[in-house]
Amino acid sequence: MEITTLLSSIGLCVGAIVAAAVIYFVVTAIKGKKAERKEREALKQHRDQQDRRARR
C-alpha cells in the first residue's frame, strides 16, 4: 500500500511539471507570434514612409 501511494504522489508531481511546461511553451509561442506581428507592422510602416519620401 505504501509503494502505491508513493508512486501515485510521484506521478502527480511529474504530471504537474509536465502540465506547467506545456502551458509555458504555449504562452511563449503566443507571445513570440505577437512580437513577430508587431515587428512586421513596424517594418511595413518604415517601408511605407521611405516610399513616400522617395516619391517627393
C-alpha atoms as a PDB file:
ATOM      1  CA  MET A   1       0.000   0.000   0.000  1.00  0.00           C
ATOM      2  CA  GLU A   2       2.795   2.441   0.805  1.00  0.00           C
ATOM      3  CA  ILE A   3       4.528   1.879  -2.538  1.00  0.00           C
ATOM      4  CA  THR A   4       1.309   2.612  -4.427  1.00  0.00           C
ATOM      5  CA  THR A   5       0.805   5.844  -2.502  1.00  0.00           C
ATOM      6  CA  LEU A   6       4.409   6.868  -3.136  1.00  0.00           C
ATOM      7  CA  LEU A   7       4.156   6.129  -6.858  1.00  0.00           C
ATOM      8  CA  SER A   8       0.886   7.997  -7.184  1.00  0.00           C
ATOM      9  CA  SER A   9       2.388  11.035  -5.437  1.00  0.00           C
ATOM     10  CA  ILE A  10       5.385  10.947  -7.748  1.00  0.00           C
ATOM     11  CA  GLY A  11       3.063  10.582 -10.723  1.00  0.00           C
ATOM     12  CA  LEU A  12       1.053  13.628  -9.655  1.00  0.00           C
ATOM     13  CA  CYS A  13       4.229  15.697  -9.276  1.00  0.00           C
ATOM     14  CA  VAL A  14       5.527  14.638 -12.680  1.00  0.00           C
ATOM     15  CA  GLY A  15       2.135  15.363 -14.223  1.00  0.00           C
ATOM     16  CA  ALA A  16       2.064  18.830 -12.687  1.00  0.00           C
ATOM     17  CA  ILE A  17       5.566  19.576 -14.002  1.00  0.00           C
ATOM     18  CA  VAL A  18       4.644  18.399 -17.489  1.00  0.00           C
ATOM     19  CA  ALA A  19       1.439  20.468 -17.456  1.00  0.00           C
ATOM     20  CA  ALA A  20       3.369  23.565 -16.355  1.00  0.00           C
ATOM     21  CA  ALA A  21       5.943  23.021 -19.114  1.00  0.00           C
ATOM     22  CA  VAL A  22       3.227  22.694 -21.767  1.00  0.00           C
ATOM     23  CA  ILE A  23       1.487  25.848 -20.562  1.00  0.00           C
ATOM     24  CA  TYR A  24       4.820  27.710 -20.529  1.00  0.00           C
ATOM     25  CA  PHE A  25       5.636  26.720 -24.111  1.00  0.00           C
ATOM     26  CA  VAL A  26       2.153  27.647 -25.343  1.00  0.00           C
ATOM     27  CA  VAL A  27       2.293  31.078 -23.695  1.00  0.00           C
ATOM     28  CA  THR A  28       5.824  31.662 -25.003  1.00  0.00           C
ATOM     29  CA  ALA A  29       4.759  30.730 -28.535  1.00  0.00           C
ATOM     30  CA  ILE A  30       1.784  33.097 -28.385  1.00  0.00           C
ATOM     31  CA  LYS A  31       3.970  35.958 -27.127  1.00  0.00           C
ATOM     32  CA  GLY A  32       6.542  35.236 -29.814  1.00  0.00           C
ATOM     33  CA  LYS A  33       3.940  35.407 -32.564  1.00  0.00           C
ATOM     34  CA  LYS A  34       2.604  38.650 -31.130  1.00  0.00           C
ATOM     35  CA  ALA A  35       6.082  40.208 -31.104  1.00  0.00           C
ATOM     36  CA  GLU A  36       6.740  38.959 -34.629  1.00  0.00           C
ATOM     37  CA  ARG A  37       3.497  40.540 -35.839  1.00  0.00           C
ATOM     38  CA  LYS A  38       4.443  43.862 -34.218  1.00  0.00           C
ATOM     39  CA  GLU A  39       7.865  43.728 -35.848  1.00  0.00           C
ATOM     40  CA  ARG A  40       6.328  43.076 -39.265  1.00  0.00           C
ATOM     41  CA  GLU A  41       3.940  46.019 -38.821  1.00  0.00           C
ATOM     42  CA  ALA A  42       6.811  48.329 -37.817  1.00  0.00           C
ATOM     43  CA  LEU A  43       8.851  47.240 -40.828  1.00  0.00           C
ATOM     44  CA  LYS A  44       5.865  47.802 -43.129  1.00  0.00           C
ATOM     45  CA  GLN A  45       5.350  51.303 -41.720  1.00  0.00           C
ATOM     46  CA  HIS A  46       9.036  52.073 -42.161  1.00  0.00           C
ATOM     47  CA  ARG A  47       8.965  50.932 -45.790  1.00  0.00           C
ATOM     48  CA  ASP A  48       5.819  52.959 -46.449  1.00  0.00           C
ATOM     49  CA  GLN A  49       7.485  56.087 -45.021  1.00  0.00           C
ATOM     50  CA  GLN A  50      10.574  55.500 -47.178  1.00  0.00           C
ATOM     51  CA  ASP A  51       8.387  55.070 -50.268  1.00  0.00           C
ATOM     52  CA  ARG A  52       6.593  58.340 -49.507  1.00  0.00           C
ATOM     53  CA  ARG A  53       9.899  60.177 -49.112  1.00  0.00           C
ATOM     54  CA  ALA A  54      11.250  58.684 -52.339  1.00  0.00           C
ATOM     55  CA  ARG A  55       8.205  59.884 -54.271  1.00  0.00           C
ATOM     56  CA  ARG A  56       8.691  63.515 -53.171  1.00  0.00           C
END
